[in-house]
Each structure stands twice: as structure tokens, then as C-alpha cells.
Amino acid sequence: MLGAKMNKKHLVNGFNKAKNFIGSAYNNTKRFLGNVDHGVRLFKTVYGALQPALEHYGGGNHINNNVMKVLNGYDNIRSKAMEAEGHLDNVKHTLAKKQVKFNFA
């Protein structure tokens, strides 16, 4: 394409490639983060079952404090990601109103 004239076909092709790349990256990231979230929920369940035993045998309070710090940090990150997804939904809705098809999720 070096030296070629840019025309509407080239622009549309470039836009579609970019859209497909962004859509693929978005969907793969969302799937990965869904798996992470599932793992964290599973960890919470297992830790909830083990917590009484850890407290009974000592050291449970120290471990519990660290686990709670990690889980609170995760929850903060998760809430920010969910907020960002809400903003993305607003952008997609605005583009749809303007008849720009950019539906990748």
C-alpha cells in the first residue's frame, strides 16, 4: 500500500481490521477476567471453610488479615473494571444512535 492512493475502500478495510482486533482483545480479556473472578469466588468459598480450623490451630488472625487485604484490593479493582465496562456500554450506545456499528461485546 506504499504510495497507493487512499480511498474509501482502504479506510473501511482499515477500520474493520481495527474493530476486529479491538473486539477480539476485549472478548479475550473479558473471558480471562471472568475466569479470574471464578477462581477468586472459589478461593473465598474454600477459605471460608478453612478459616475456623486456621483460627483454632493458631495463626489464623494474621493469615485472615492478609487474606482480607488481598480480597478487598481485588474487590476494589473489580468494581473499577465494572464501572469502566458501564462507560464502554454508554459509548457503544452513543455510537449505535449515530448508526455506527461497533458492537464487539
PDB file of N, CA and C in Angstrom:
ATOM      1  N   MET A   1       0.816  -1.177   0.000  1.00  0.00           N
ATOM      2  CA  MET A   1       0.000   0.000   0.000  1.00  0.00           C
ATOM      3  C   MET A   1       0.871   1.257   0.000  1.00  0.00           C
ATOM      4  N   LEU A   2       2.168   1.090  -0.007  1.00  0.00           N
ATOM      5  CA  LEU A   2       3.063   2.244  -0.076  1.00  0.00           C
ATOM      6  C   LEU A   2       2.852   2.979  -1.379  1.00  0.00           C
ATOM      7  N   GLY A   3       2.614   4.257  -1.272  1.00  0.00           N
ATOM      8  CA  GLY A   3       2.456   5.066  -2.458  1.00  0.00           C
ATOM      9  C   GLY A   3       1.087   4.960  -3.105  1.00  0.00           C
ATOM     10  N   ALA A   4       0.239   4.105  -2.599  1.00  0.00           N
ATOM     11  CA  ALA A   4      -1.098   3.942  -3.179  1.00  0.00           C
ATOM     12  C   ALA A   4      -2.007   5.064  -2.700  1.00  0.00           C
ATOM     13  N   LYS A   5      -2.971   5.373  -3.528  1.00  0.00           N
ATOM     14  CA  LYS A   5      -3.938   6.379  -3.136  1.00  0.00           C
ATOM     15  C   LYS A   5      -4.861   5.800  -2.066  1.00  0.00           C
ATOM     16  N   MET A   6      -5.111   6.606  -1.054  1.00  0.00           N
ATOM     17  CA  MET A   6      -6.066   6.190  -0.028  1.00  0.00           C
ATOM     18  C   MET A   6      -7.463   6.438  -0.586  1.00  0.00           C
ATOM     19  N   ASN A   7      -8.284   5.430  -0.519  1.00  0.00           N
ATOM     20  CA  ASN A   7      -9.662   5.621  -0.932  1.00  0.00           C
ATOM     21  C   ASN A   7     -10.591   5.060   0.139  1.00  0.00           C
ATOM     22  N   LYS A   8     -11.859   5.183  -0.104  1.00  0.00           N
ATOM     23  CA  LYS A   8     -12.853   4.766   0.886  1.00  0.00           C
ATOM     24  C   LYS A   8     -12.701   3.280   1.229  1.00  0.00           C
ATOM     25  N   LYS A   9     -12.399   2.463   0.231  1.00  0.00           N
ATOM     26  CA  LYS A   9     -12.253   1.027   0.464  1.00  0.00           C
ATOM     27  C   LYS A   9     -11.115   0.738   1.440  1.00  0.00           C
ATOM     28  N   HIS A  10      -9.988   1.440   1.283  1.00  0.00           N
ATOM     29  CA  HIS A  10      -8.852   1.250   2.180  1.00  0.00           C
ATOM     30  C   HIS A  10      -9.197   1.671   3.603  1.00  0.00           C
ATOM     31  N   LEU A  11      -9.899   2.793   3.727  1.00  0.00           N
ATOM     32  CA  LEU A  11     -10.279   3.284   5.056  1.00  0.00           C
ATOM     33  C   LEU A  11     -11.244   2.342   5.751  1.00  0.00           C
ATOM     34  N   VAL A  12     -12.230   1.853   5.007  1.00  0.00           N
ATOM     35  CA  VAL A  12     -13.203   0.924   5.582  1.00  0.00           C
ATOM     36  C   VAL A  12     -12.508  -0.368   5.984  1.00  0.00           C
ATOM     37  N   ASN A  13     -11.611  -0.849   5.133  1.00  0.00           N
ATOM     38  CA  ASN A  13     -10.872  -2.071   5.436  1.00  0.00           C
ATOM     39  C   ASN A  13     -10.023  -1.887   6.705  1.00  0.00           C
ATOM     40  N   GLY A  14      -9.342  -0.757   6.802  1.00  0.00           N
ATOM     41  CA  GLY A  14      -8.529  -0.473   7.991  1.00  0.00           C
ATOM     42  C   GLY A  14      -9.385  -0.359   9.242  1.00  0.00           C
ATOM     43  N   PHE A  15     -10.521   0.314   9.123  1.00  0.00           N
ATOM     44  CA  PHE A  15     -11.432   0.452  10.258  1.00  0.00           C
ATOM     45  C   PHE A  15     -11.937  -0.920  10.702  1.00  0.00           C
ATOM     46  N   ASN A  16     -12.321  -1.763   9.763  1.00  0.00           N
ATOM     47  CA  ASN A  16     -12.829  -3.096  10.110  1.00  0.00           C
ATOM     48  C   ASN A  16     -11.757  -3.959  10.767  1.00  0.00           C
ATOM     49  N   LYS A  17     -10.519  -3.861  10.277  1.00  0.00           N
ATOM     50  CA  LYS A  17      -9.434  -4.618  10.908  1.00  0.00           C
ATOM     51  C   LYS A  17      -9.201  -4.148  12.336  1.00  0.00           C
ATOM     52  N   ALA A  18      -9.214  -2.833  12.545  1.00  0.00           N
ATOM     53  CA  ALA A  18      -9.036  -2.287  13.888  1.00  0.00           C
ATOM     54  C   ALA A  18     -10.182  -2.717  14.793  1.00  0.00           C
ATOM     55  N   LYS A  19     -11.399  -2.653  14.277  1.00  0.00           N
ATOM     56  CA  LYS A  19     -12.576  -3.051  15.049  1.00  0.00           C
ATOM     57  C   LYS A  19     -12.495  -4.529  15.433  1.00  0.00           C
ATOM     58  N   ASN A  20     -12.101  -5.372  14.502  1.00  0.00           N
ATOM     59  CA  ASN A  20     -11.977  -6.802  14.791  1.00  0.00           C
ATOM     60  C   ASN A  20     -10.893  -7.071  15.833  1.00  0.00           C
ATOM     61  N   PHE A  21      -9.771  -6.353  15.725  1.00  0.00           N
ATOM     62  CA  PHE A  21      -8.693  -6.513  16.698  1.00  0.00           C
ATOM     63  C   PHE A  21      -9.154  -6.092  18.091  1.00  0.00           C
ATOM     64  N   ILE A  22      -9.788  -4.936  18.183  1.00  0.00           N
ATOM     65  CA  ILE A  22     -10.273  -4.444  19.482  1.00  0.00           C
ATOM     66  C   ILE A  22     -11.333  -5.384  20.039  1.00  0.00           C
ATOM     67  N   GLY A  23     -12.230  -5.841  19.193  1.00  0.00           N
ATOM     68  CA  GLY A  23     -13.269  -6.759  19.640  1.00  0.00           C
ATOM     69  C   GLY A  23     -12.701  -8.061  20.159  1.00  0.00           C
ATOM     70  N   SER A  24     -11.725  -8.593  19.446  1.00  0.00           N
ATOM     71  CA  SER A  24     -11.087  -9.838  19.874  1.00  0.00           C
ATOM     72  C   SER A  24     -10.350  -9.645  21.192  1.00  0.00           C
ATOM     73  N   ALA A  25      -9.614  -8.549  21.310  1.00  0.00           N
ATOM     74  CA  ALA A  25      -8.888  -8.267  22.553  1.00  0.00           C
ATOM     75  C   ALA A  25      -9.866  -8.091  23.715  1.00  0.00           C
ATOM     76  N   TYR A  26     -10.948  -7.370  23.475  1.00  0.00           N
ATOM     77  CA  TYR A  26     -11.957  -7.143  24.514  1.00  0.00           C
ATOM     78  C   TYR A  26     -12.569  -8.462  24.978  1.00  0.00           C
ATOM     79  N   ASN A  27     -12.993  -9.280  24.026  1.00  0.00           N
ATOM     80  CA  ASN A  27     -13.645 -10.548  24.381  1.00  0.00           C
ATOM     81  C   ASN A  27     -12.688 -11.510  25.075  1.00  0.00           C
ATOM     82  N   ASN A  28     -11.440 -11.582  24.613  1.00  0.00           N
ATOM     83  CA  ASN A  28     -10.464 -12.458  25.267  1.00  0.00           C
ATOM     84  C   ASN A  28     -10.152 -11.983  26.676  1.00  0.00           C
ATOM     85  N   THR A  29     -10.024 -10.670  26.844  1.00  0.00           N
ATOM     86  CA  THR A  29      -9.752 -10.111  28.168  1.00  0.00           C
ATOM     87  C   THR A  29     -10.926 -10.352  29.097  1.00  0.00           C
ATOM     88  N   LYS A  30     -12.132 -10.143  28.592  1.00  0.00           N
ATOM     89  CA  LYS A  30     -13.331 -10.352  29.413  1.00  0.00           C
ATOM     90  C   LYS A  30     -13.442 -11.824  29.837  1.00  0.00           C
ATOM     91  N   ARG A  31     -13.141 -12.736  28.931  1.00  0.00           N
ATOM     92  CA  ARG A  31     -13.181 -14.163  29.252  1.00  0.00           C
ATOM     93  C   ARG A  31     -12.122 -14.502  30.309  1.00  0.00           C
ATOM     94  N   PHE A  32     -10.917 -13.977  30.137  1.00  0.00           N
ATOM     95  CA  PHE A  32      -9.838 -14.219  31.101  1.00  0.00           C
ATOM     96  C   PHE A  32     -10.212 -13.687  32.484  1.00  0.00           C
ATOM     97  N   LEU A  33     -10.714 -12.463  32.525  1.00  0.00           N
ATOM     98  CA  LEU A  33     -11.082 -11.879  33.815  1.00  0.00           C
ATOM     99  C   LEU A  33     -12.265 -12.600  34.445  1.00  0.00           C
ATOM    100  N   GLY A  34     -13.143 -13.151  33.627  1.00  0.00           N
ATOM    101  CA  GLY A  34     -14.235 -13.981  34.152  1.00  0.00           C
ATOM    102  C   GLY A  34     -13.684 -15.227  34.829  1.00  0.00           C
ATOM    103  N   ASN A  35     -12.654 -15.819  34.225  1.00  0.00           N
ATOM    104  CA  ASN A  35     -12.015 -16.988  34.836  1.00  0.00           C
ATOM    105  C   ASN A  35     -11.316 -16.616  36.141  1.00  0.00           C
ATOM    106  N   VAL A  36     -10.665 -15.453  36.162  1.00  0.00           N
ATOM    107  CA  VAL A  36     -10.026 -14.978  37.398  1.00  0.00           C
ATOM    108  C   VAL A  36     -11.078 -14.781  38.479  1.00  0.00           C
ATOM    109  N   ASP A  37     -12.188 -14.152  38.116  1.00  0.00           N
ATOM    110  CA  ASP A  37     -13.254 -13.899  39.081  1.00  0.00           C
ATOM    111  C   ASP A  37     -13.824 -15.214  39.623  1.00  0.00           C
ATOM    112  N   HIS A  38     -13.988 -16.191  38.753  1.00  0.00           N
ATOM    113  CA  HIS A  38     -14.460 -17.505  39.195  1.00  0.00           C
ATOM    114  C   HIS A  38     -13.471 -18.112  40.192  1.00  0.00           C
ATOM    115  N   GLY A  39     -12.187 -18.001  39.910  1.00  0.00           N
ATOM    116  CA  GLY A  39     -11.162 -18.528  40.812  1.00  0.00           C
ATOM    117  C   GLY A  39     -11.176 -17.832  42.166  1.00  0.00           C
ATOM    118  N   VAL A  40     -11.375 -16.524  42.167  1.00  0.00           N
ATOM    119  CA  VAL A  40     -11.430 -15.783  43.436  1.00  0.00           C
ATOM    120  C   VAL A  40     -12.655 -16.196  44.232  1.00  0.00           C
ATOM    121  N   ARG A  41     -13.794 -16.350  43.563  1.00  0.00           N
ATOM    122  CA  ARG A  41     -15.002 -16.797  44.280  1.00  0.00           C
ATOM    123  C   ARG A  41     -14.800 -18.197  44.861  1.00  0.00           C
ATOM    124  N   LEU A  42     -14.146 -19.068  44.110  1.00  0.00           N
ATOM    125  CA  LEU A  42     -13.849 -20.405  44.611  1.00  0.00           C
ATOM    126  C   LEU A  42     -12.913 -20.337  45.808  1.00  0.00           C
ATOM    127  N   PHE A  43     -11.891 -19.476  45.734  1.00  0.00           N
ATOM    128  CA  PHE A  43     -10.968 -19.290  46.849  1.00  0.00           C
ATOM    129  C   PHE A  43     -11.711 -18.808  48.089  1.00  0.00           C
ATOM    130  N   LYS A  44     -12.635 -17.859  47.910  1.00  0.00           N
ATOM    131  CA  LYS A  44     -13.414 -17.352  49.048  1.00  0.00           C
ATOM    132  C   LYS A  44     -14.204 -18.476  49.714  1.00  0.00           C
ATOM    133  N   THR A  45     -14.775 -19.354  48.920  1.00  0.00           N
ATOM    134  CA  THR A  45     -15.542 -20.478  49.454  1.00  0.00           C
ATOM    135  C   THR A  45     -14.645 -21.427  50.234  1.00  0.00           C
ATOM    136  N   VAL A  46     -13.512 -21.787  49.644  1.00  0.00           N
ATOM    137  CA  VAL A  46     -12.587 -22.716  50.300  1.00  0.00           C
ATOM    138  C   VAL A  46     -12.001 -22.077  51.556  1.00  0.00           C
ATOM    139  N   TYR A  47     -11.613 -20.814  51.461  1.00  0.00           N
ATOM    140  CA  TYR A  47     -11.033 -20.133  52.620  1.00  0.00           C
ATOM    141  C   TYR A  47     -12.071 -20.004  53.739  1.00  0.00           C
ATOM    142  N   GLY A  48     -13.304 -19.735  53.378  1.00  0.00           N
ATOM    143  CA  GLY A  48     -14.371 -19.657  54.378  1.00  0.00           C
ATOM    144  C   GLY A  48     -14.528 -20.960  55.137  1.00  0.00           C
ATOM    145  N   ALA A  49     -14.336 -22.081  54.454  1.00  0.00           N
ATOM    146  CA  ALA A  49     -14.434 -23.382  55.117  1.00  0.00           C
ATOM    147  C   ALA A  49     -13.204 -23.664  55.982  1.00  0.00           C
ATOM    148  N   LEU A  50     -12.035 -23.177  55.553  1.00  0.00           N
ATOM    149  CA  LEU A  50     -10.792 -23.432  56.292  1.00  0.00           C
ATOM    150  C   LEU A  50     -10.534 -22.450  57.437  1.00  0.00           C
ATOM    151  N   GLN A  51     -11.149 -21.298  57.389  1.00  0.00           N
ATOM    152  CA  GLN A  51     -10.863 -20.249  58.354  1.00  0.00           C
ATOM    153  C   GLN A  51     -11.054 -20.683  59.807  1.00  0.00           C
ATOM    154  N   PRO A  52     -12.131 -21.368  60.164  1.00  0.00           N
ATOM    155  CA  PRO A  52     -12.268 -21.787  61.565  1.00  0.00           C
ATOM    156  C   PRO A  52     -11.130 -22.707  62.028  1.00  0.00           C
ATOM    157  N   ALA A  53     -10.696 -23.601  61.149  1.00  0.00           N
ATOM    158  CA  ALA A  53      -9.603 -24.507  61.513  1.00  0.00           C
ATOM    159  C   ALA A  53      -8.296 -23.738  61.695  1.00  0.00           C
ATOM    160  N   LEU A  54      -8.050 -22.757  60.834  1.00  0.00           N
ATOM    161  CA  LEU A  54      -6.838 -21.944  60.959  1.00  0.00           C
ATOM    162  C   LEU A  54      -6.838 -21.174  62.273  1.00  0.00           C
ATOM    163  N   GLU A  55      -7.983 -20.635  62.641  1.00  0.00           N
ATOM    164  CA  GLU A  55      -8.070 -19.893  63.906  1.00  0.00           C
ATOM    165  C   GLU A  55      -7.876 -20.826  65.098  1.00  0.00           C
ATOM    166  N   HIS A  56      -8.416 -22.035  64.981  1.00  0.00           N
ATOM    167  CA  HIS A  56      -8.315 -22.999  66.082  1.00  0.00           C
ATOM    168  C   HIS A  56      -6.872 -23.415  66.333  1.00  0.00           C
ATOM    169  N   TYR A  57      -6.095 -23.585  65.279  1.00  0.00           N
ATOM    170  CA  TYR A  57      -4.712 -24.048  65.418  1.00  0.00           C
ATOM    171  C   TYR A  57      -3.701 -22.904  65.522  1.00  0.00           C
ATOM    172  N   GLY A  58      -4.180 -21.696  65.619  1.00  0.00           N
ATOM    173  CA  GLY A  58      -3.288 -20.548  65.803  1.00  0.00           C
ATOM    174  C   GLY A  58      -2.837 -19.960  64.483  1.00  0.00           C
ATOM    175  N   GLY A  59      -2.507 -18.689  64.513  1.00  0.00           N
ATOM    176  CA  GLY A  59      -2.029 -18.014  63.311  1.00  0.00           C
ATOM    177  C   GLY A  59      -3.137 -17.580  62.377  1.00  0.00           C
ATOM    178  N   GLY A  60      -4.362 -17.920  62.714  1.00  0.00           N
ATOM    179  CA  GLY A  60      -5.484 -17.597  61.833  1.00  0.00           C
ATOM    180  C   GLY A  60      -5.720 -16.110  61.708  1.00  0.00           C
ATOM    181  N   ASN A  61      -5.492 -15.363  62.771  1.00  0.00           N
ATOM    182  CA  ASN A  61      -5.749 -13.926  62.730  1.00  0.00           C
ATOM    183  C   ASN A  61      -4.787 -13.218  61.780  1.00  0.00           C
ATOM    184  N   HIS A  62      -3.506 -13.575  61.836  1.00  0.00           N
ATOM    185  CA  HIS A  62      -2.510 -12.981  60.936  1.00  0.00           C
ATOM    186  C   HIS A  62      -2.832 -13.328  59.482  1.00  0.00           C
ATOM    187  N   ILE A  63      -3.136 -14.576  59.230  1.00  0.00           N
ATOM    188  CA  ILE A  63      -3.473 -15.011  57.866  1.00  0.00           C
ATOM    189  C   ILE A  63      -4.750 -14.325  57.405  1.00  0.00           C
ATOM    190  N   ASN A  64      -5.740 -14.273  58.297  1.00  0.00           N
ATOM    191  CA  ASN A  64      -7.018 -13.662  57.942  1.00  0.00           C
ATOM    192  C   ASN A  64      -6.841 -12.186  57.560  1.00  0.00           C
ATOM    193  N   ASN A  65      -6.026 -11.455  58.307  1.00  0.00           N
ATOM    194  CA  ASN A  65      -5.794 -10.041  57.987  1.00  0.00           C
ATOM    195  C   ASN A  65      -5.197  -9.885  56.594  1.00  0.00           C
ATOM    196  N   ASN A  66      -4.218 -10.714  56.263  1.00  0.00           N
ATOM    197  CA  ASN A  66      -3.590 -10.636  54.939  1.00  0.00           C
ATOM    198  C   ASN A  66      -4.549 -11.030  53.825  1.00  0.00           C
ATOM    199  N   VAL A  67      -5.310 -12.084  54.052  1.00  0.00           N
ATOM    200  CA  VAL A  67      -6.275 -12.531  53.036  1.00  0.00           C
ATOM    201  C   VAL A  67      -7.328 -11.450  52.815  1.00  0.00           C
ATOM    202  N   MET A  68      -7.796 -10.839  53.889  1.00  0.00           N
ATOM    203  CA  MET A  68      -8.822  -9.804  53.757  1.00  0.00           C
ATOM    204  C   MET A  68      -8.277  -8.579  53.013  1.00  0.00           C
ATOM    205  N   LYS A  69      -7.011  -8.227  53.221  1.00  0.00           N
ATOM    206  CA  LYS A  69      -6.402  -7.120  52.478  1.00  0.00           C
ATOM    207  C   LYS A  69      -6.381  -7.433  50.982  1.00  0.00           C
ATOM    208  N   VAL A  70      -5.983  -8.655  50.654  1.00  0.00           N
ATOM    209  CA  VAL A  70      -5.921  -9.059  49.244  1.00  0.00           C
ATOM    210  C   VAL A  70      -7.312  -9.059  48.630  1.00  0.00           C
ATOM    211  N   LEU A  71      -8.291  -9.628  49.330  1.00  0.00           N
ATOM    212  CA  LEU A  71      -9.647  -9.699  48.785  1.00  0.00           C
ATOM    213  C   LEU A  71     -10.278  -8.316  48.660  1.00  0.00           C
ATOM    214  N   ASN A  72     -10.005  -7.423  49.608  1.00  0.00           N
ATOM    215  CA  ASN A  72     -10.521  -6.053  49.495  1.00  0.00           C
ATOM    216  C   ASN A  72      -9.890  -5.336  48.303  1.00  0.00           C
ATOM    217  N   GLY A  73      -8.600  -5.536  48.096  1.00  0.00           N
ATOM    218  CA  GLY A  73      -7.938  -4.962  46.921  1.00  0.00           C
ATOM    219  C   GLY A  73      -8.535  -5.488  45.635  1.00  0.00           C
ATOM    220  N   TYR A  74      -8.799  -6.791  45.594  1.00  0.00           N
ATOM    221  CA  TYR A  74      -9.414  -7.394  44.407  1.00  0.00           C
ATOM    222  C   TYR A  74     -10.799  -6.806  44.176  1.00  0.00           C
ATOM    223  N   ASP A  75     -11.582  -6.680  45.236  1.00  0.00           N
ATOM    224  CA  ASP A  75     -12.932  -6.131  45.098  1.00  0.00           C
ATOM    225  C   ASP A  75     -12.898  -4.695  44.590  1.00  0.00           C
ATOM    226  N   ASN A  76     -11.915  -3.907  45.032  1.00  0.00           N
ATOM    227  CA  ASN A  76     -11.779  -2.533  44.542  1.00  0.00           C
ATOM    228  C   ASN A  76     -11.462  -2.509  43.050  1.00  0.00           C
ATOM    229  N   ILE A  77     -10.529  -3.355  42.639  1.00  0.00           N
ATOM    230  CA  ILE A  77     -10.161  -3.432  41.218  1.00  0.00           C
ATOM    231  C   ILE A  77     -11.361  -3.907  40.394  1.00  0.00           C
ATOM    232  N   ARG A  78     -12.066  -4.886  40.914  1.00  0.00           N
ATOM    233  CA  ARG A  78     -13.231  -5.426  40.200  1.00  0.00           C
ATOM    234  C   ARG A  78     -14.307  -4.362  40.025  1.00  0.00           C
ATOM    235  N   SER A  79     -14.564  -3.573  41.069  1.00  0.00           N
ATOM    236  CA  SER A  79     -15.598  -2.537  40.962  1.00  0.00           C
ATOM    237  C   SER A  79     -15.190  -1.463  39.950  1.00  0.00           C
ATOM    238  N   LYS A  80     -13.898  -1.133  39.888  1.00  0.00           N
ATOM    239  CA  LYS A  80     -13.439  -0.156  38.894  1.00  0.00           C
ATOM    240  C   LYS A  80     -13.582  -0.712  37.480  1.00  0.00           C
ATOM    241  N   ALA A  81     -13.313  -2.003  37.310  1.00  0.00           N
ATOM    242  CA  ALA A  81     -13.467  -2.628  35.990  1.00  0.00           C
ATOM    243  C   ALA A  81     -14.934  -2.650  35.576  1.00  0.00           C
ATOM    244  N   MET A  82     -15.814  -2.924  36.523  1.00  0.00           N
ATOM    245  CA  MET A  82     -17.245  -2.938  36.209  1.00  0.00           C
ATOM    246  C   MET A  82     -17.730  -1.527  35.851  1.00  0.00           C
ATOM    247  N   GLU A  83     -17.196  -0.522  36.526  1.00  0.00           N
ATOM    248  CA  GLU A  83     -17.535   0.867  36.218  1.00  0.00           C
ATOM    249  C   GLU A  83     -17.057   1.228  34.811  1.00  0.00           C
ATOM    250  N   ALA A  84     -15.853   0.802  34.469  1.00  0.00           N
ATOM    251  CA  ALA A  84     -15.317   1.075  33.131  1.00  0.00           C
ATOM    252  C   ALA A  84     -16.155   0.385  32.065  1.00  0.00           C
ATOM    253  N   GLU A  85     -16.636  -0.816  32.365  1.00  0.00           N
ATOM    254  CA  GLU A  85     -17.482  -1.512  31.394  1.00  0.00           C
ATOM    255  C   GLU A  85     -18.790  -0.759  31.191  1.00  0.00           C
ATOM    256  N   GLY A  86     -19.304  -0.152  32.253  1.00  0.00           N
ATOM    257  CA  GLY A  86     -20.505   0.675  32.125  1.00  0.00           C
ATOM    258  C   GLY A  86     -20.261   1.870  31.212  1.00  0.00           C
ATOM    259  N   HIS A  87     -19.080   2.486  31.327  1.00  0.00           N
ATOM    260  CA  HIS A  87     -18.738   3.599  30.436  1.00  0.00           C
ATOM    261  C   HIS A  87     -18.635   3.122  28.994  1.00  0.00           C
ATOM    262  N   LEU A  88     -18.077   1.939  28.797  1.00  0.00           N
ATOM    263  CA  LEU A  88     -17.970   1.376  27.452  1.00  0.00           C
ATOM    264  C   LEU A  88     -19.356   1.131  26.864  1.00  0.00           C
ATOM    265  N   ASP A  89     -20.279   0.638  27.687  1.00  0.00           N
ATOM    266  CA  ASP A  89     -21.651   0.440  27.215  1.00  0.00           C
ATOM    267  C   ASP A  89     -22.278   1.756  26.775  1.00  0.00           C
ATOM    268  N   ASN A  90     -21.987   2.835  27.501  1.00  0.00           N
ATOM    269  CA  ASN A  90     -22.505   4.151  27.113  1.00  0.00           C
ATOM    270  C   ASN A  90     -21.940   4.596  25.770  1.00  0.00           C
ATOM    271  N   VAL A  91     -20.649   4.351  25.545  1.00  0.00           N
ATOM    272  CA  VAL A  91     -20.028   4.712  24.267  1.00  0.00           C
ATOM    273  C   VAL A  91     -20.661   3.908  23.134  1.00  0.00           C
ATOM    274  N   LYS A  92     -20.836   2.611  23.350  1.00  0.00           N
ATOM    275  CA  LYS A  92     -21.451   1.772  22.315  1.00  0.00           C
ATOM    276  C   LYS A  92     -22.868   2.232  22.010  1.00  0.00           C
ATOM    277  N   HIS A  93     -23.619   2.611  23.045  1.00  0.00           N
ATOM    278  CA  HIS A  93     -24.988   3.088  22.855  1.00  0.00           C
ATOM    279  C   HIS A  93     -24.994   4.389  22.048  1.00  0.00           C
ATOM    280  N   THR A  94     -24.083   5.299  22.363  1.00  0.00           N
ATOM    281  CA  THR A  94     -23.987   6.565  21.636  1.00  0.00           C
ATOM    282  C   THR A  94     -23.630   6.322  20.176  1.00  0.00           C
ATOM    283  N   LEU A  95     -22.688   5.401  19.923  1.00  0.00           N
ATOM    284  CA  LEU A  95     -22.325   5.080  18.540  1.00  0.00           C
ATOM    285  C   LEU A  95     -23.500   4.449  17.798  1.00  0.00           C
ATOM    286  N   ALA A  96     -24.257   3.607  18.477  1.00  0.00           N
ATOM    287  CA  ALA A  96     -25.415   2.974  17.842  1.00  0.00           C
ATOM    288  C   ALA A  96     -26.457   4.021  17.454  1.00  0.00           C
ATOM    289  N   LYS A  97     -26.636   5.038  18.303  1.00  0.00           N
ATOM    290  CA  LYS A  97     -27.578   6.119  17.983  1.00  0.00           C
ATOM    291  C   LYS A  97     -27.163   6.850  16.709  1.00  0.00           C
ATOM    292  N   LYS A  98     -25.855   6.940  16.514  1.00  0.00           N
ATOM    293  CA  LYS A  98     -25.340   7.634  15.334  1.00  0.00           C
ATOM    294  C   LYS A  98     -25.140   6.676  14.165  1.00  0.00           C
ATOM    295  N   GLN A  99     -25.685   5.487  14.299  1.00  0.00           N
ATOM    296  CA  GLN A  99     -25.653   4.439  13.279  1.00  0.00           C
ATOM    297  C   GLN A  99     -24.243   4.011  12.912  1.00  0.00           C
ATOM    298  N   VAL A 100     -23.365   3.991  13.917  1.00  0.00           N
ATOM    299  CA  VAL A 100     -22.020   3.463  13.749  1.00  0.00           C
ATOM    300  C   VAL A 100     -22.013   2.079  14.389  1.00  0.00           C
ATOM    301  N   LYS A 101     -21.800   1.058  13.572  1.00  0.00           N
ATOM    302  CA  LYS A 101     -21.825  -0.311  14.083  1.00  0.00           C
ATOM    303  C   LYS A 101     -20.462  -0.646  14.641  1.00  0.00           C
ATOM    304  N   PHE A 102     -20.410  -0.713  15.955  1.00  0.00           N
ATOM    305  CA  PHE A 102     -19.152  -1.022  16.645  1.00  0.00           C
ATOM    306  C   PHE A 102     -19.456  -1.960  17.801  1.00  0.00           C
ATOM    307  N   ASN A 103     -20.268  -2.966  17.529  1.00  0.00           N
ATOM    308  CA  ASN A 103     -20.722  -3.881  18.569  1.00  0.00           C
ATOM    309  C   ASN A 103     -19.776  -5.064  18.653  1.00  0.00           C
ATOM    310  N   PHE A 104     -18.846  -5.032  19.609  1.00  0.00           N
ATOM    311  CA  PHE A 104     -17.888  -6.130  19.744  1.00  0.00           C
ATOM    312  C   PHE A 104     -18.087  -6.916  21.016  1.00  0.00           C
ATOM    313  N   ALA A 105     -19.106  -6.623  21.780  1.00  0.00           N
ATOM    314  CA  ALA A 105     -19.346  -7.376  23.015  1.00  0.00           C
ATOM    315  C   ALA A 105     -20.785  -7.770  23.113  1.00  0.00           C
TER     316      ALA A 105
END
